[in-house]
Amino acid sequence: VPMVAPGNVQVHVINSTLAKVHWDPVPLKTVRGHLQGYKVYYWKVQSLSRRSRRHVEKKILTFRGNKTFGMLPGLEPYSSYKLNVRVVNGKGEGPASPDKVFKTPEGVPSSPSFLKITNPTLDSLTLEWGSPTHPNGVLTSYILKFQPINNTHELGPLVEIRIPANESSLILKNLNYSTRYKFYFNAQTSVGSGSQITEEAVTIMDE
C-alpha cells in the first residue's frame, strides 16, 4: 500500500452546502504501485444549532488519477465537519492526512414543523406552532401573513406580522366574525426565509 499521506490539505467553504478541498500530490515513488486516485473521508462532527451528537457516518468521495482537488457537495448548513485525504493504489489506501476541521455557514431554515389554529371566537384565533426540524442556523424570527377569503374565494388584503423566534403561540385579535382566513407561516435566519406552511381557519358566526 502507499507509504505517505497527501500533504497541505486545505478546505475552501463555498456556501452552506458546498466545500472544495485541495491537497498536494504524494511523490510517485511513495505510491508503490499504480496511482488510482485519492479518497476524501469526511463526516459531520456536530450541528452548531443543536448540541446533539448522534452516530457519525463517514462519507467517502473518490477522485480518480492524479487530481489534487475535489468538491464536497450536499453538506448540512451551520455544521462542523472533519475530513482527511488518502492516496489509493491497486493494493489499497495509504495513511490518512491529519484531520482538518471546517464549518459551514448558516442557511435558510426548513418550514416550521407544524401550525395549529385553535379556540376560534367571534374576533380572534389562537395559533400554535413548532420550530423547524432543521433550523440550519440561529432563528431570528417567524413571519406570519394572513388574509380573509370571501365566499367567492377572492383573497382580501394581506397582513404581515413578525414574531420573535422564542415564541410558540399567538392570539390574533380584531378579526371579522364568521370569516375564513388563510395563513402563511415561515421561519427566518440571518440568511433569509425558509419554506412556508399554509393553513386556513374560520372565526365563529355568533356566540
Protein backbone atom coordinates (compact mmCIF):
# COMPACT_ATOMS: atom_id res chain seq x y z
CA VAL A 1 0.00 0.00 0.00
CA PRO A 2 1.12 3.64 -0.40
CA MET A 3 3.60 4.93 2.19
CA VAL A 4 2.69 8.56 2.79
CA ALA A 5 -0.38 10.76 3.21
CA PRO A 6 -1.15 13.73 0.96
CA GLY A 7 0.16 16.97 2.49
CA ASN A 8 -1.03 20.57 2.76
CA VAL A 9 -4.73 19.72 2.84
CA GLN A 10 -6.83 22.91 2.55
CA VAL A 11 -10.59 23.37 2.66
CA HIS A 12 -12.38 26.29 0.99
CA VAL A 13 -16.03 26.59 2.09
CA ILE A 14 -18.02 27.91 -0.88
CA ASN A 15 -21.51 28.12 0.66
CA SER A 16 -23.65 26.46 3.33
CA THR A 17 -23.80 23.11 1.48
CA LEU A 18 -20.62 23.01 -0.66
CA ALA A 19 -16.88 22.98 0.04
CA LYS A 20 -13.76 22.50 -2.11
CA VAL A 21 -10.78 20.53 -0.80
CA HIS A 22 -7.17 20.82 -2.12
CA TRP A 23 -4.12 18.68 -1.37
CA ASP A 24 -0.55 18.28 -2.55
CA PRO A 25 0.09 15.11 -4.59
CA VAL A 26 2.26 12.45 -2.93
CA PRO A 27 5.66 11.70 -4.59
CA LEU A 28 5.02 8.95 -7.14
CA LYS A 29 7.72 6.66 -5.73
CA THR A 30 5.85 6.56 -2.40
CA VAL A 31 2.71 5.21 -4.10
CA ARG A 32 4.49 1.81 -4.52
CA GLY A 33 2.29 0.80 -7.41
CA HIS A 34 -0.22 2.23 -9.86
CA LEU A 35 -1.73 5.53 -8.66
CA GLN A 36 -5.51 5.06 -8.83
CA GLY A 37 -6.54 8.31 -7.19
CA TYR A 38 -7.29 9.99 -3.89
CA LYS A 39 -10.06 9.38 -1.37
CA VAL A 40 -11.55 12.12 0.81
CA TYR A 41 -13.16 10.89 4.04
CA TYR A 42 -15.47 13.46 5.62
CA TRP A 43 -18.03 13.44 8.41
CA LYS A 44 -20.21 15.82 10.39
CA VAL A 45 -18.95 16.39 13.93
CA GLN A 46 -21.94 18.38 15.16
CA SER A 47 -24.69 20.77 14.22
CA LEU A 48 -23.89 24.27 15.53
CA SER A 49 -27.56 24.98 16.33
CA ARG A 50 -28.10 21.74 18.24
CA ARG A 51 -25.62 20.18 20.61
CA SER A 52 -26.81 16.65 19.93
CA ARG A 53 -24.14 14.19 18.83
CA ARG A 54 -25.52 11.18 17.10
CA HIS A 55 -23.86 8.25 15.35
CA VAL A 56 -21.31 9.69 12.94
CA GLU A 57 -21.49 8.38 9.40
CA LYS A 58 -18.29 8.81 7.44
CA LYS A 59 -18.72 9.64 3.77
CA ILE A 60 -16.11 8.85 1.14
CA LEU A 61 -15.54 10.53 -2.22
CA THR A 62 -13.03 9.08 -4.68
CA PHE A 63 -11.19 11.32 -7.15
CA ARG A 64 -9.50 9.31 -9.91
CA GLY A 65 -5.99 9.77 -11.20
CA ASN A 66 -3.58 12.49 -10.12
CA LYS A 67 -6.23 15.09 -9.22
CA THR A 68 -5.26 17.48 -6.43
CA PHE A 69 -8.69 18.91 -5.57
CA GLY A 70 -12.33 17.92 -5.35
CA MET A 71 -15.78 19.23 -4.43
CA LEU A 72 -17.79 18.08 -1.39
CA PRO A 73 -21.49 18.65 -2.19
CA GLY A 74 -24.56 18.05 -0.03
CA LEU A 75 -23.18 19.36 3.26
CA GLU A 76 -25.55 20.46 6.02
CA PRO A 77 -25.64 24.20 6.80
CA TYR A 78 -24.35 25.56 10.09
CA SER A 79 -22.38 22.42 10.98
CA SER A 80 -18.86 21.44 11.95
CA TYR A 81 -17.10 18.82 9.77
CA LYS A 82 -13.82 16.93 9.72
CA LEU A 83 -12.04 15.43 6.72
CA ASN A 84 -8.85 13.68 5.72
CA VAL A 85 -7.33 12.56 2.41
CA ARG A 86 -5.63 9.26 1.44
CA VAL A 87 -3.92 8.09 -1.72
CA VAL A 88 -5.03 4.81 -3.34
CA ASN A 89 -3.17 2.21 -5.42
CA GLY A 90 -4.23 -1.22 -6.69
CA LYS A 91 -3.48 -2.76 -3.32
CA GLY A 92 -5.37 -0.29 -1.09
CA GLU A 93 -5.19 3.02 0.69
CA GLY A 94 -2.23 4.84 2.20
CA PRO A 95 -2.27 6.58 5.59
CA ALA A 96 -4.73 9.41 6.25
CA SER A 97 -3.65 13.03 6.30
CA PRO A 98 -4.23 14.82 9.65
CA ASP A 99 -7.92 15.61 10.21
CA LYS A 100 -8.93 19.06 9.01
CA VAL A 101 -11.87 20.82 10.69
CA PHE A 102 -14.16 23.16 8.77
CA LYS A 103 -17.52 24.81 9.42
CA THR A 104 -20.38 25.54 7.03
CA PRO A 105 -22.20 28.89 7.36
CA GLU A 106 -25.89 29.36 8.16
CA GLY A 107 -28.56 28.54 5.60
CA VAL A 108 -32.32 29.16 5.48
CA PRO A 109 -34.42 27.02 7.85
CA SER A 110 -36.82 24.24 6.91
CA SER A 111 -40.52 25.04 7.33
CA PRO A 112 -41.96 25.20 10.88
CA SER A 113 -42.78 21.64 11.99
CA PHE A 114 -46.49 22.39 12.41
CA LEU A 115 -49.07 25.20 12.56
CA LYS A 116 -52.26 24.61 14.57
CA ILE A 117 -55.17 27.05 14.80
CA THR A 118 -57.50 26.65 17.80
CA ASN A 119 -60.00 28.48 20.05
CA PRO A 120 -62.00 30.38 17.42
CA THR A 121 -64.13 33.22 18.82
CA LEU A 122 -66.09 35.97 17.10
CA ASP A 123 -62.99 38.09 16.53
CA SER A 124 -59.92 36.00 17.45
CA LEU A 125 -57.99 32.83 16.65
CA THR A 126 -55.14 31.18 18.57
CA LEU A 127 -52.10 29.98 16.62
CA GLU A 128 -49.59 27.43 17.90
CA TRP A 129 -46.52 26.21 16.04
CA GLY A 130 -43.39 24.09 16.28
CA SER A 131 -39.89 25.22 15.41
CA PRO A 132 -38.25 23.94 12.18
CA THR A 133 -36.77 20.42 12.33
CA HIS A 134 -33.68 21.80 10.56
CA PRO A 135 -33.05 25.39 11.71
CA ASN A 136 -29.81 25.47 9.64
CA GLY A 137 -28.68 28.42 11.74
CA VAL A 138 -29.91 30.72 14.50
CA LEU A 139 -33.61 31.54 14.10
CA THR A 140 -34.15 35.31 14.12
CA SER A 141 -37.95 35.45 13.80
CA TYR A 142 -41.12 33.94 12.37
CA ILE A 143 -43.14 35.68 9.67
CA LEU A 144 -46.93 35.29 9.72
CA LYS A 145 -49.00 36.53 6.80
CA PHE A 146 -52.77 36.19 6.65
CA GLN A 147 -55.73 37.40 4.61
CA PRO A 148 -59.51 36.89 4.57
CA ILE A 149 -61.11 34.73 1.87
CA ASN A 150 -64.65 35.67 0.87
CA ASN A 151 -67.42 33.35 -0.37
CA THR A 152 -66.29 33.65 -3.97
CA HIS A 153 -62.75 32.64 -2.92
CA GLU A 154 -61.34 36.09 -3.54
CA LEU A 155 -58.46 36.99 -1.25
CA GLY A 156 -58.64 40.16 0.85
CA PRO A 157 -55.73 42.40 1.91
CA LEU A 158 -52.63 40.63 3.22
CA VAL A 159 -51.43 41.42 6.77
CA GLU A 160 -47.86 40.59 7.81
CA ILE A 161 -46.62 40.15 11.39
CA ARG A 162 -43.05 39.47 12.57
CA ILE A 163 -42.91 37.24 15.66
CA PRO A 164 -39.85 36.77 17.93
CA ALA A 165 -38.04 33.47 17.41
CA ASN A 166 -38.59 32.30 21.01
CA GLU A 167 -42.41 32.46 20.77
CA SER A 168 -44.53 29.37 20.04
CA SER A 169 -48.08 30.75 20.13
CA LEU A 170 -50.05 33.91 19.35
CA ILE A 171 -53.62 35.13 19.80
CA LEU A 172 -54.79 37.08 16.75
CA LYS A 173 -57.42 39.64 17.72
CA ASN A 174 -59.66 42.15 15.92
CA LEU A 175 -60.64 39.67 13.22
CA ASN A 176 -64.01 39.72 11.44
CA TYR A 177 -66.66 37.28 12.67
CA SER A 178 -67.74 34.32 10.53
CA THR A 179 -64.78 34.85 8.21
CA ARG A 180 -62.37 32.35 6.70
CA TYR A 181 -58.71 33.32 6.87
CA LYS A 182 -55.72 31.90 5.06
CA PHE A 183 -52.38 31.82 6.91
CA TYR A 184 -48.81 31.59 5.56
CA PHE A 185 -46.10 30.92 8.11
CA ASN A 186 -42.31 30.56 7.92
CA ALA A 187 -39.12 30.92 9.96
CA GLN A 188 -36.08 33.09 9.25
CA THR A 189 -32.36 33.04 9.93
CA SER A 190 -29.97 35.91 9.13
CA VAL A 191 -29.58 34.35 5.66
CA GLY A 192 -33.26 34.56 4.76
CA SER A 193 -36.73 32.99 4.91
CA GLY A 194 -37.36 29.26 4.89
CA SER A 195 -40.22 27.50 3.14
CA GLN A 196 -43.70 28.32 4.43
CA ILE A 197 -46.61 26.23 5.59
CA THR A 198 -50.20 27.33 4.96
CA GLU A 199 -53.37 26.76 6.94
CA GLU A 200 -56.96 28.03 6.92
CA ALA A 201 -59.37 28.70 9.76
CA VAL A 202 -62.76 30.37 10.36
CA THR A 203 -63.87 32.71 13.15
CA ILE A 204 -67.25 31.74 14.63
CA MET A 205 -70.55 33.14 13.45
CA ASP A 206 -72.12 34.00 16.79
CA GLU A 207 -71.69 33.20 20.45
